[in-house]
Amino acid sequence: MRSPSPRVAAPIFAALGDETRLRLVARLSTDGPQSIARLTAGTEITRQAITKHLNVLAGAGLLRGRRRGREQLWAVDTTRLTEARRFLEAISAQWDDALARLQAMVEDNQE
């Protein structure tokens, strides 16, 4: 499977580039779907601030919200995280190839 283009991957990394948003994704990945009330409990971050962060993550396709009664539950959409992972794996493979070529060149010059 091909890695996504930088144009596709950039919004994902931009959304994850904020510490609060990265923590929200990590928490939702670990604890499963949660409401804004639950996400703000025990923090100093306001519900409004959490809502803005959740909307940025949803806009990048990283989260999805669904209604449950009067609450909205937020959950991670793993499709976009998989795309981000594939993009990073492609970059890693390029570095591995470049380092292997460099090593071969250095070893050839030593002989």
PDB file of N, CA and C in Angstrom:
ATOM      1  N   MET A   1       0.840  -1.176   0.000  1.00  0.00           N
ATOM      2  CA  MET A   1       0.000   0.000   0.000  1.00  0.00           C
ATOM      3  C   MET A   1       0.887   1.242   0.000  1.00  0.00           C
ATOM      4  N   ARG A   2       0.584   2.207  -0.852  1.00  0.00           N
ATOM      5  CA  ARG A   2       1.377   3.420  -0.960  1.00  0.00           C
ATOM      6  C   ARG A   2       1.122   4.355   0.210  1.00  0.00           C
ATOM      7  N   SER A   3       2.142   5.120   0.540  1.00  0.00           N
ATOM      8  CA  SER A   3       1.962   6.105   1.604  1.00  0.00           C
ATOM      9  C   SER A   3       1.217   7.306   1.035  1.00  0.00           C
ATOM     10  N   PRO A   4       0.502   8.023   1.888  1.00  0.00           N
ATOM     11  CA  PRO A   4      -0.213   9.203   1.412  1.00  0.00           C
ATOM     12  C   PRO A   4       0.770  10.296   1.008  1.00  0.00           C
ATOM     13  N   SER A   5       0.320  11.199   0.170  1.00  0.00           N
ATOM     14  CA  SER A   5       1.158  12.315  -0.256  1.00  0.00           C
ATOM     15  C   SER A   5       1.326  13.295   0.901  1.00  0.00           C
ATOM     16  N   PRO A   6       2.350  14.131   0.834  1.00  0.00           N
ATOM     17  CA  PRO A   6       2.505  15.161   1.871  1.00  0.00           C
ATOM     18  C   PRO A   6       1.277  16.061   1.977  1.00  0.00           C
ATOM     19  N   ARG A   7       0.595  16.306   0.877  1.00  0.00           N
ATOM     20  CA  ARG A   7      -0.607  17.150   0.898  1.00  0.00           C
ATOM     21  C   ARG A   7      -1.695  16.515   1.768  1.00  0.00           C
ATOM     22  N   VAL A   8      -1.780  15.187   1.738  1.00  0.00           N
ATOM     23  CA  VAL A   8      -2.773  14.467   2.542  1.00  0.00           C
ATOM     24  C   VAL A   8      -2.299  14.356   3.990  1.00  0.00           C
ATOM     25  N   ALA A   9      -1.007  14.109   4.175  1.00  0.00           N
ATOM     26  CA  ALA A   9      -0.469  13.877   5.519  1.00  0.00           C
ATOM     27  C   ALA A   9      -0.290  15.166   6.329  1.00  0.00           C
ATOM     28  N   ALA A  10      -0.024  16.277   5.688  1.00  0.00           N
ATOM     29  CA  ALA A  10       0.279  17.522   6.410  1.00  0.00           C
ATOM     30  C   ALA A  10      -0.816  17.950   7.389  1.00  0.00           C
ATOM     31  N   PRO A  11      -2.100  17.927   7.016  1.00  0.00           N
ATOM     32  CA  PRO A  11      -3.130  18.327   7.995  1.00  0.00           C
ATOM     33  C   PRO A  11      -3.181  17.416   9.223  1.00  0.00           C
ATOM     34  N   ILE A  12      -2.848  16.158   9.032  1.00  0.00           N
ATOM     35  CA  ILE A  12      -2.828  15.220  10.163  1.00  0.00           C
ATOM     36  C   ILE A  12      -1.752  15.648  11.153  1.00  0.00           C
ATOM     37  N   PHE A  13      -0.540  15.879  10.629  1.00  0.00           N
ATOM     38  CA  PHE A  13       0.566  16.254  11.505  1.00  0.00           C
ATOM     39  C   PHE A  13       0.379  17.650  12.090  1.00  0.00           C
ATOM     40  N   ALA A  14      -0.250  18.551  11.339  1.00  0.00           N
ATOM     41  CA  ALA A  14      -0.532  19.886  11.878  1.00  0.00           C
ATOM     42  C   ALA A  14      -1.473  19.779  13.074  1.00  0.00           C
ATOM     43  N   ALA A  15      -2.488  18.948  12.949  1.00  0.00           N
ATOM     44  CA  ALA A  15      -3.443  18.778  14.051  1.00  0.00           C
ATOM     45  C   ALA A  15      -2.777  18.121  15.255  1.00  0.00           C
ATOM     46  N   LEU A  16      -1.883  17.178  15.008  1.00  0.00           N
ATOM     47  CA  LEU A  16      -1.213  16.476  16.100  1.00  0.00           C
ATOM     48  C   LEU A  16      -0.043  17.268  16.679  1.00  0.00           C
ATOM     49  N   GLY A  17       0.302  18.386  16.037  1.00  0.00           N
ATOM     50  CA  GLY A  17       1.444  19.189  16.473  1.00  0.00           C
ATOM     51  C   GLY A  17       1.216  19.986  17.740  1.00  0.00           C
ATOM     52  N   ASP A  18       0.014  20.002  18.227  1.00  0.00           N
ATOM     53  CA  ASP A  18      -0.304  20.704  19.466  1.00  0.00           C
ATOM     54  C   ASP A  18      -0.317  19.695  20.613  1.00  0.00           C
ATOM     55  N   GLU A  19       0.340  20.031  21.705  1.00  0.00           N
ATOM     56  CA  GLU A  19       0.457  19.106  22.842  1.00  0.00           C
ATOM     57  C   GLU A  19      -0.909  18.687  23.398  1.00  0.00           C
ATOM     58  N   THR A  20      -1.810  19.634  23.535  1.00  0.00           N
ATOM     59  CA  THR A  20      -3.140  19.307  24.070  1.00  0.00           C
ATOM     60  C   THR A  20      -3.870  18.343  23.146  1.00  0.00           C
ATOM     61  N   ARG A  21      -3.823  18.612  21.848  1.00  0.00           N
ATOM     62  CA  ARG A  21      -4.510  17.726  20.906  1.00  0.00           C
ATOM     63  C   ARG A  21      -3.875  16.346  20.881  1.00  0.00           C
ATOM     64  N   LEU A  22      -2.565  16.302  20.958  1.00  0.00           N
ATOM     65  CA  LEU A  22      -1.874  15.005  20.990  1.00  0.00           C
ATOM     66  C   LEU A  22      -2.270  14.215  22.233  1.00  0.00           C
ATOM     67  N   ARG A  23      -2.392  14.894  23.357  1.00  0.00           N
ATOM     68  CA  ARG A  23      -2.840  14.232  24.590  1.00  0.00           C
ATOM     69  C   ARG A  23      -4.277  13.737  24.472  1.00  0.00           C
ATOM     70  N   LEU A  24      -5.129  14.529  23.829  1.00  0.00           N
ATOM     71  CA  LEU A  24      -6.518  14.099  23.635  1.00  0.00           C
ATOM     72  C   LEU A  24      -6.586  12.831  22.790  1.00  0.00           C
ATOM     73  N   VAL A  25      -5.819  12.789  21.702  1.00  0.00           N
ATOM     74  CA  VAL A  25      -5.806  11.597  20.849  1.00  0.00           C
ATOM     75  C   VAL A  25      -5.276  10.404  21.628  1.00  0.00           C
ATOM     76  N   ALA A  26      -4.217  10.606  22.396  1.00  0.00           N
ATOM     77  CA  ALA A  26      -3.654   9.507  23.193  1.00  0.00           C
ATOM     78  C   ALA A  26      -4.675   9.011  24.211  1.00  0.00           C
ATOM     79  N   ARG A  27      -5.341   9.929  24.863  1.00  0.00           N
ATOM     80  CA  ARG A  27      -6.335   9.536  25.877  1.00  0.00           C
ATOM     81  C   ARG A  27      -7.510   8.794  25.253  1.00  0.00           C
ATOM     82  N   LEU A  28      -8.003   9.302  24.130  1.00  0.00           N
ATOM     83  CA  LEU A  28      -9.120   8.630  23.463  1.00  0.00           C
ATOM     84  C   LEU A  28      -8.696   7.281  22.890  1.00  0.00           C
ATOM     85  N   SER A  29      -7.446   7.176  22.474  1.00  0.00           N
ATOM     86  CA  SER A  29      -6.941   5.893  21.966  1.00  0.00           C
ATOM     87  C   SER A  29      -6.863   4.860  23.081  1.00  0.00           C
ATOM     88  N   THR A  30      -6.484   5.309  24.260  1.00  0.00           N
ATOM     89  CA  THR A  30      -6.331   4.412  25.403  1.00  0.00           C
ATOM     90  C   THR A  30      -7.661   4.100  26.083  1.00  0.00           C
ATOM     91  N   ASP A  31      -8.446   5.150  26.338  1.00  0.00           N
ATOM     92  CA  ASP A  31      -9.658   5.005  27.154  1.00  0.00           C
ATOM     93  C   ASP A  31     -10.937   4.823  26.350  1.00  0.00           C
ATOM     94  N   GLY A  32     -10.887   4.978  25.038  1.00  0.00           N
ATOM     95  CA  GLY A  32     -12.080   4.840  24.219  1.00  0.00           C
ATOM     96  C   GLY A  32     -12.891   6.111  24.164  1.00  0.00           C
ATOM     97  N   PRO A  33     -14.045   6.074  23.505  1.00  0.00           N
ATOM     98  CA  PRO A  33     -14.881   7.262  23.317  1.00  0.00           C
ATOM     99  C   PRO A  33     -15.238   7.939  24.643  1.00  0.00           C
ATOM    100  N   GLN A  34     -15.201   9.272  24.612  1.00  0.00           N
ATOM    101  CA  GLN A  34     -15.510  10.051  25.812  1.00  0.00           C
ATOM    102  C   GLN A  34     -16.233  11.328  25.442  1.00  0.00           C
ATOM    103  N   SER A  35     -16.961  11.850  26.400  1.00  0.00           N
ATOM    104  CA  SER A  35     -17.655  13.128  26.235  1.00  0.00           C
ATOM    105  C   SER A  35     -16.706  14.268  26.590  1.00  0.00           C
ATOM    106  N   ILE A  36     -17.103  15.467  26.207  1.00  0.00           N
ATOM    107  CA  ILE A  36     -16.305  16.649  26.553  1.00  0.00           C
ATOM    108  C   ILE A  36     -16.237  16.799  28.071  1.00  0.00           C
ATOM    109  N   ALA A  37     -17.337  16.535  28.753  1.00  0.00           N
ATOM    110  CA  ALA A  37     -17.347  16.640  30.213  1.00  0.00           C
ATOM    111  C   ALA A  37     -16.308  15.706  30.825  1.00  0.00           C
ATOM    112  N   ARG A  38     -16.239  14.510  30.325  1.00  0.00           N
ATOM    113  CA  ARG A  38     -15.269  13.545  30.861  1.00  0.00           C
ATOM    114  C   ARG A  38     -13.839  13.936  30.496  1.00  0.00           C
ATOM    115  N   LEU A  39     -13.659  14.482  29.277  1.00  0.00           N
ATOM    116  CA  LEU A  39     -12.319  14.889  28.853  1.00  0.00           C
ATOM    117  C   LEU A  39     -11.786  16.087  29.639  1.00  0.00           C
ATOM    118  N   THR A  40     -12.686  16.939  30.134  1.00  0.00           N
ATOM    119  CA  THR A  40     -12.249  18.108  30.898  1.00  0.00           C
ATOM    120  C   THR A  40     -12.144  17.840  32.395  1.00  0.00           C
ATOM    121  N   ALA A  41     -12.741  16.764  32.861  1.00  0.00           N
ATOM    122  CA  ALA A  41     -12.717  16.460  34.302  1.00  0.00           C
ATOM    123  C   ALA A  41     -11.276  16.310  34.781  1.00  0.00           C
ATOM    124  N   GLY A  42     -10.969  17.005  35.863  1.00  0.00           N
ATOM    125  CA  GLY A  42      -9.642  16.905  36.460  1.00  0.00           C
ATOM    126  C   GLY A  42      -8.569  17.709  35.746  1.00  0.00           C
ATOM    127  N   THR A  43      -8.959  18.543  34.786  1.00  0.00           N
ATOM    128  CA  THR A  43      -7.988  19.384  34.089  1.00  0.00           C
ATOM    129  C   THR A  43      -8.327  20.848  34.331  1.00  0.00           C
ATOM    130  N   GLU A  44      -7.415  21.694  33.964  1.00  0.00           N
ATOM    131  CA  GLU A  44      -7.653  23.134  34.064  1.00  0.00           C
ATOM    132  C   GLU A  44      -8.107  23.714  32.730  1.00  0.00           C
ATOM    133  N   ILE A  45      -8.296  22.853  31.742  1.00  0.00           N
ATOM    134  CA  ILE A  45      -8.696  23.297  30.410  1.00  0.00           C
ATOM    135  C   ILE A  45     -10.225  23.425  30.376  1.00  0.00           C
ATOM    136  N   THR A  46     -10.694  24.511  29.813  1.00  0.00           N
ATOM    137  CA  THR A  46     -12.139  24.744  29.760  1.00  0.00           C
ATOM    138  C   THR A  46     -12.799  23.839  28.723  1.00  0.00           C
ATOM    139  N   ARG A  47     -14.093  23.683  28.873  1.00  0.00           N
ATOM    140  CA  ARG A  47     -14.866  22.897  27.899  1.00  0.00           C
ATOM    141  C   ARG A  47     -14.776  23.536  26.515  1.00  0.00           C
ATOM    142  N   GLN A  48     -14.779  24.864  26.471  1.00  0.00           N
ATOM    143  CA  GLN A  48     -14.687  25.567  25.196  1.00  0.00           C
ATOM    144  C   GLN A  48     -13.348  25.275  24.508  1.00  0.00           C
ATOM    145  N   ALA A  49     -12.270  25.273  25.283  1.00  0.00           N
ATOM    146  CA  ALA A  49     -10.953  24.996  24.706  1.00  0.00           C
ATOM    147  C   ALA A  49     -10.877  23.550  24.208  1.00  0.00           C
ATOM    148  N   ILE A  50     -11.385  22.620  24.993  1.00  0.00           N
ATOM    149  CA  ILE A  50     -11.398  21.213  24.578  1.00  0.00           C
ATOM    150  C   ILE A  50     -12.236  21.060  23.309  1.00  0.00           C
ATOM    151  N   THR A  51     -13.369  21.735  23.253  1.00  0.00           N
ATOM    152  CA  THR A  51     -14.228  21.669  22.070  1.00  0.00           C
ATOM    153  C   THR A  51     -13.489  22.156  20.835  1.00  0.00           C
ATOM    154  N   LYS A  52     -12.756  23.252  20.958  1.00  0.00           N
ATOM    155  CA  LYS A  52     -11.985  23.768  19.816  1.00  0.00           C
ATOM    156  C   LYS A  52     -10.938  22.748  19.370  1.00  0.00           C
ATOM    157  N   HIS A  53     -10.234  22.162  20.321  1.00  0.00           N
ATOM    158  CA  HIS A  53      -9.218  21.156  19.972  1.00  0.00           C
ATOM    159  C   HIS A  53      -9.851  19.931  19.315  1.00  0.00           C
ATOM    160  N   LEU A  54     -10.982  19.487  19.845  1.00  0.00           N
ATOM    161  CA  LEU A  54     -11.664  18.329  19.263  1.00  0.00           C
ATOM    162  C   LEU A  54     -12.118  18.623  17.842  1.00  0.00           C
ATOM    163  N   ASN A  55     -12.584  19.843  17.605  1.00  0.00           N
ATOM    164  CA  ASN A  55     -13.022  20.216  16.260  1.00  0.00           C
ATOM    165  C   ASN A  55     -11.855  20.284  15.274  1.00  0.00           C
ATOM    166  N   VAL A  56     -10.697  20.733  15.724  1.00  0.00           N
ATOM    167  CA  VAL A  56      -9.510  20.727  14.858  1.00  0.00           C
ATOM    168  C   VAL A  56      -9.148  19.289  14.495  1.00  0.00           C
ATOM    169  N   LEU A  57      -9.150  18.411  15.486  1.00  0.00           N
ATOM    170  CA  LEU A  57      -8.822  17.001  15.238  1.00  0.00           C
ATOM    171  C   LEU A  57      -9.856  16.348  14.323  1.00  0.00           C
ATOM    172  N   ALA A  58     -11.113  16.690  14.520  1.00  0.00           N
ATOM    173  CA  ALA A  58     -12.170  16.146  13.652  1.00  0.00           C
ATOM    174  C   ALA A  58     -12.018  16.684  12.232  1.00  0.00           C
ATOM    175  N   GLY A  59     -11.652  17.944  12.109  1.00  0.00           N
ATOM    176  CA  GLY A  59     -11.438  18.545  10.798  1.00  0.00           C
ATOM    177  C   GLY A  59     -10.308  17.879  10.019  1.00  0.00           C
ATOM    178  N   ALA A  60      -9.325  17.371  10.743  1.00  0.00           N
ATOM    179  CA  ALA A  60      -8.209  16.649  10.111  1.00  0.00           C
ATOM    180  C   ALA A  60      -8.561  15.176   9.883  1.00  0.00           C
ATOM    181  N   GLY A  61      -9.763  14.784  10.299  1.00  0.00           N
ATOM    182  CA  GLY A  61     -10.192  13.404  10.105  1.00  0.00           C
ATOM    183  C   GLY A  61      -9.687  12.433  11.153  1.00  0.00           C
ATOM    184  N   LEU A  62      -9.141  12.958  12.248  1.00  0.00           N
ATOM    185  CA  LEU A  62      -8.574  12.099  13.287  1.00  0.00           C
ATOM    186  C   LEU A  62      -9.591  11.636  14.323  1.00  0.00           C
ATOM    187  N   LEU A  63     -10.657  12.408  14.491  1.00  0.00           N
ATOM    188  CA  LEU A  63     -11.702  12.062  15.452  1.00  0.00           C
ATOM    189  C   LEU A  63     -13.054  12.115  14.771  1.00  0.00           C
ATOM    190  N   ARG A  64     -13.992  11.431  15.374  1.00  0.00           N
ATOM    191  CA  ARG A  64     -15.386  11.535  14.944  1.00  0.00           C
ATOM    192  C   ARG A  64     -16.237  11.631  16.202  1.00  0.00           C
ATOM    193  N   GLY A  65     -17.268  12.416  16.088  1.00  0.00           N
ATOM    194  CA  GLY A  65     -18.181  12.566  17.212  1.00  0.00           C
ATOM    195  C   GLY A  65     -19.531  11.964  16.863  1.00  0.00           C
ATOM    196  N   ARG A  66     -20.172  11.402  17.864  1.00  0.00           N
ATOM    197  CA  ARG A  66     -21.529  10.884  17.662  1.00  0.00           C
ATOM    198  C   ARG A  66     -22.347  11.243  18.895  1.00  0.00           C
ATOM    199  N   ARG A  67     -23.593  11.518  18.642  1.00  0.00           N
ATOM    200  CA  ARG A  67     -24.506  11.910  19.709  1.00  0.00           C
ATOM    201  C   ARG A  67     -24.943  10.699  20.520  1.00  0.00           C
ATOM    202  N   ARG A  68     -24.961  10.884  21.818  1.00  0.00           N
ATOM    203  CA  ARG A  68     -25.557   9.912  22.737  1.00  0.00           C
ATOM    204  C   ARG A  68     -26.366  10.723  23.736  1.00  0.00           C
ATOM    205  N   GLY A  69     -27.650  10.786  23.469  1.00  0.00           N
ATOM    206  CA  GLY A  69     -28.505  11.631  24.298  1.00  0.00           C
ATOM    207  C   GLY A  69     -28.136  13.084  24.100  1.00  0.00           C
ATOM    208  N   ARG A  70     -27.868  13.781  25.185  1.00  0.00           N
ATOM    209  CA  ARG A  70     -27.495  15.195  25.117  1.00  0.00           C
ATOM    210  C   ARG A  70     -25.999  15.392  24.937  1.00  0.00           C
ATOM    211  N   GLU A  71     -25.239  14.310  25.064  1.00  0.00           N
ATOM    212  CA  GLU A  71     -23.785  14.404  24.965  1.00  0.00           C
ATOM    213  C   GLU A  71     -23.295  13.997  23.586  1.00  0.00           C
ATOM    214  N   GLN A  72     -22.118  14.482  23.283  1.00  0.00           N
ATOM    215  CA  GLN A  72     -21.426  14.035  22.081  1.00  0.00           C
ATOM    216  C   GLN A  72     -20.226  13.223  22.556  1.00  0.00           C
ATOM    217  N   LEU A  73     -20.122  12.007  22.062  1.00  0.00           N
ATOM    218  CA  LEU A  73     -18.970  11.164  22.383  1.00  0.00           C
ATOM    219  C   LEU A  73     -17.952  11.282  21.261  1.00  0.00           C
ATOM    220  N   TRP A  74     -16.705  11.459  21.647  1.00  0.00           N
ATOM    221  CA  TRP A  74     -15.621  11.599  20.679  1.00  0.00           C
ATOM    222  C   TRP A  74     -14.774  10.333  20.682  1.00  0.00           C
ATOM    223  N   ALA A  75     -14.408   9.892  19.474  1.00  0.00           N
ATOM    224  CA  ALA A  75     -13.600   8.678  19.324  1.00  0.00           C
ATOM    225  C   ALA A  75     -12.567   8.899  18.231  1.00  0.00           C
ATOM    226  N   VAL A  76     -11.483   8.162  18.319  1.00  0.00           N
ATOM    227  CA  VAL A  76     -10.417   8.230  17.320  1.00  0.00           C
ATOM    228  C   VAL A  76     -10.868   7.508  16.056  1.00  0.00           C
ATOM    229  N   ASP A  77     -10.595   8.132  14.919  1.00  0.00           N
ATOM    230  CA  ASP A  77     -10.804   7.483  13.625  1.00  0.00           C
ATOM    231  C   ASP A  77      -9.438   6.974  13.184  1.00  0.00           C
ATOM    232  N   THR A  78      -9.234   5.682  13.266  1.00  0.00           N
ATOM    233  CA  THR A  78      -7.909   5.101  13.033  1.00  0.00           C
ATOM    234  C   THR A  78      -7.461   5.171  11.574  1.00  0.00           C
ATOM    235  N   THR A  79      -8.370   5.443  10.659  1.00  0.00           N
ATOM    236  CA  THR A  79      -7.995   5.514   9.241  1.00  0.00           C
ATOM    237  C   THR A  79      -6.918   6.564   9.012  1.00  0.00           C
ATOM    238  N   ARG A  80      -7.131   7.765   9.537  1.00  0.00           N
ATOM    239  CA  ARG A  80      -6.154   8.849   9.329  1.00  0.00           C
ATOM    240  C   ARG A  80      -4.868   8.600  10.103  1.00  0.00           C
ATOM    241  N   LEU A  81      -4.963   7.992  11.266  1.00  0.00           N
ATOM    242  CA  LEU A  81      -3.738   7.661  11.995  1.00  0.00           C
ATOM    243  C   LEU A  81      -2.925   6.615  11.230  1.00  0.00           C
ATOM    244  N   THR A  82      -3.597   5.698  10.580  1.00  0.00           N
ATOM    245  CA  THR A  82      -2.914   4.698   9.760  1.00  0.00           C
ATOM    246  C   THR A  82      -2.211   5.373   8.589  1.00  0.00           C
ATOM    247  N   GLU A  83      -2.860   6.362   7.982  1.00  0.00           N
ATOM    248  CA  GLU A  83      -2.231   7.105   6.890  1.00  0.00           C
ATOM    249  C   GLU A  83      -0.980   7.826   7.375  1.00  0.00           C
ATOM    250  N   ALA A  84      -1.051   8.434   8.552  1.00  0.00           N
ATOM    251  CA  ALA A  84       0.112   9.122   9.117  1.00  0.00           C
ATOM    252  C   ALA A  84       1.242   8.137   9.378  1.00  0.00           C
ATOM    253  N   ARG A  85       0.895   6.976   9.919  1.00  0.00           N
ATOM    254  CA  ARG A  85       1.903   5.950  10.179  1.00  0.00           C
ATOM    255  C   ARG A  85       2.567   5.506   8.886  1.00  0.00           C
ATOM    256  N   ARG A  86       1.774   5.282   7.832  1.00  0.00           N
ATOM    257  CA  ARG A  86       2.318   4.862   6.540  1.00  0.00           C
ATOM    258  C   ARG A  86       3.246   5.930   5.971  1.00  0.00           C
ATOM    259  N   PHE A  87       2.892   7.189   6.141  1.00  0.00           N
ATOM    260  CA  PHE A  87       3.735   8.274   5.663  1.00  0.00           C
ATOM    261  C   PHE A  87       5.078   8.257   6.388  1.00  0.00           C
ATOM    262  N   LEU A  88       5.049   8.101   7.714  1.00  0.00           N
ATOM    263  CA  LEU A  88       6.295   8.055   8.485  1.00  0.00           C
ATOM    264  C   LEU A  88       7.118   6.812   8.141  1.00  0.00           C
ATOM    265  N   GLU A  89       6.460   5.698   7.895  1.00  0.00           N
ATOM    266  CA  GLU A  89       7.177   4.483   7.502  1.00  0.00           C
ATOM    267  C   GLU A  89       7.869   4.659   6.153  1.00  0.00           C
ATOM    268  N   ALA A  90       7.217   5.367   5.230  1.00  0.00           N
ATOM    269  CA  ALA A  90       7.829   5.625   3.922  1.00  0.00           C
ATOM    270  C   ALA A  90       9.074   6.499   4.072  1.00  0.00           C
ATOM    271  N   ILE A  91       8.991   7.512   4.909  1.00  0.00           N
ATOM    272  CA  ILE A  91      10.155   8.376   5.157  1.00  0.00           C
ATOM    273  C   ILE A  91      11.267   7.563   5.815  1.00  0.00           C
ATOM    274  N   SER A  92      10.910   6.732   6.768  1.00  0.00           N
ATOM    275  CA  SER A  92      11.894   5.884   7.440  1.00  0.00           C
ATOM    276  C   SER A  92      12.584   4.954   6.454  1.00  0.00           C
ATOM    277  N   ALA A  93      11.819   4.375   5.546  1.00  0.00           N
ATOM    278  CA  ALA A  93      12.398   3.479   4.538  1.00  0.00           C
ATOM    279  C   ALA A  93      13.357   4.238   3.619  1.00  0.00           C
ATOM    280  N   GLN A  94      13.008   5.468   3.278  1.00  0.00           N
ATOM    281  CA  GLN A  94      13.895   6.286   2.454  1.00  0.00           C
ATOM    282  C   GLN A  94      15.215   6.551   3.179  1.00  0.00           C
ATOM    283  N   TRP A  95      15.142   6.842   4.468  1.00  0.00           N
ATOM    284  CA  TRP A  95      16.353   7.063   5.259  1.00  0.00           C
ATOM    285  C   TRP A  95      17.180   5.779   5.352  1.00  0.00           C
ATOM    286  N   ASP A  96      16.511   4.659   5.566  1.00  0.00           N
ATOM    287  CA  ASP A  96      17.225   3.380   5.619  1.00  0.00           C
ATOM    288  C   ASP A  96      17.961   3.119   4.316  1.00  0.00           C
ATOM    289  N   ASP A  97      17.304   3.374   3.180  1.00  0.00           N
ATOM    290  CA  ASP A  97      17.936   3.187   1.875  1.00  0.00           C
ATOM    291  C   ASP A  97      19.132   4.116   1.703  1.00  0.00           C
ATOM    292  N   ALA A  98      18.958   5.379   2.084  1.00  0.00           N
ATOM    293  CA  ALA A  98      20.046   6.351   1.954  1.00  0.00           C
ATOM    294  C   ALA A  98      21.235   5.961   2.829  1.00  0.00           C
ATOM    295  N   LEU A  99      20.961   5.520   4.055  1.00  0.00           N
ATOM    296  CA  LEU A  99      22.045   5.102   4.944  1.00  0.00           C
ATOM    297  C   LEU A  99      22.740   3.849   4.430  1.00  0.00           C
ATOM    298  N   ALA A 100      21.988   2.930   3.847  1.00  0.00           N
ATOM    299  CA  ALA A 100      22.587   1.718   3.272  1.00  0.00           C
ATOM    300  C   ALA A 100      23.488   2.076   2.093  1.00  0.00           C
ATOM    301  N   ARG A 101      23.046   3.028   1.247  1.00  0.00           N
ATOM    302  CA  ARG A 101      23.888   3.462   0.121  1.00  0.00           C
ATOM    303  C   ARG A 101      25.159   4.140   0.624  1.00  0.00           C
ATOM    304  N   LEU A 102      25.025   4.968   1.661  1.00  0.00           N
ATOM    305  CA  LEU A 102      26.183   5.642   2.236  1.00  0.00           C
ATOM    306  C   LEU A 102      27.154   4.625   2.819  1.00  0.00           C
ATOM    307  N   GLN A 103      26.639   3.647   3.545  1.00  0.00           N
ATOM    308  CA  GLN A 103      27.491   2.613   4.123  1.00  0.00           C
ATOM    309  C   GLN A 103      28.219   1.843   3.028  1.00  0.00           C
ATOM    310  N   ALA A 104      27.518   1.495   1.952  1.00  0.00           N
ATOM    311  CA  ALA A 104      28.151   0.762   0.851  1.00  0.00           C
ATOM    312  C   ALA A 104      29.239   1.613   0.205  1.00  0.00           C
ATOM    313  N   MET A 105      28.981   2.895   0.043  1.00  0.00           N
ATOM    314  CA  MET A 105      29.970   3.793  -0.554  1.00  0.00           C
ATOM    315  C   MET A 105      31.215   3.895   0.331  1.00  0.00           C
ATOM    316  N   VAL A 106      31.010   4.067   1.635  1.00  0.00           N
ATOM    317  CA  VAL A 106      32.133   4.172   2.553  1.00  0.00           C
ATOM    318  C   VAL A 106      32.939   2.877   2.566  1.00  0.00           C
ATOM    319  N   GLU A 107      32.260   1.736   2.585  1.00  0.00           N
ATOM    320  CA  GLU A 107      32.960   0.450   2.589  1.00  0.00           C
ATOM    321  C   GLU A 107      33.706   0.223   1.296  1.00  0.00           C
ATOM    322  N   ASP A 108      33.154   0.670   0.148  1.00  0.00           N
ATOM    323  CA  ASP A 108      33.842   0.545  -1.134  1.00  0.00           C
ATOM    324  C   ASP A 108      35.096   1.396  -1.165  1.00  0.00           C
ATOM    325  N   ASN A 109      35.057   2.596  -0.571  1.00  0.00           N
ATOM    326  CA  ASN A 109      36.203   3.488  -0.550  1.00  0.00           C
ATOM    327  C   ASN A 109      37.296   3.004   0.391  1.00  0.00           C
ATOM    328  N   GLN A 110      36.964   2.153   1.346  1.00  0.00           N
ATOM    329  CA  GLN A 110      37.962   1.645   2.290  1.00  0.00           C
ATOM    330  C   GLN A 110      38.733   0.462   1.715  1.00  0.00           C
ATOM    331  N   GLU A 111      38.223  -0.134   0.664  1.00  0.00           N
ATOM    332  CA  GLU A 111      38.886  -1.317   0.082  1.00  0.00           C
ATOM    333  C   GLU A 111      39.982  -0.951  -0.833  1.00  0.00           C
TER     334      GLU A 111
END
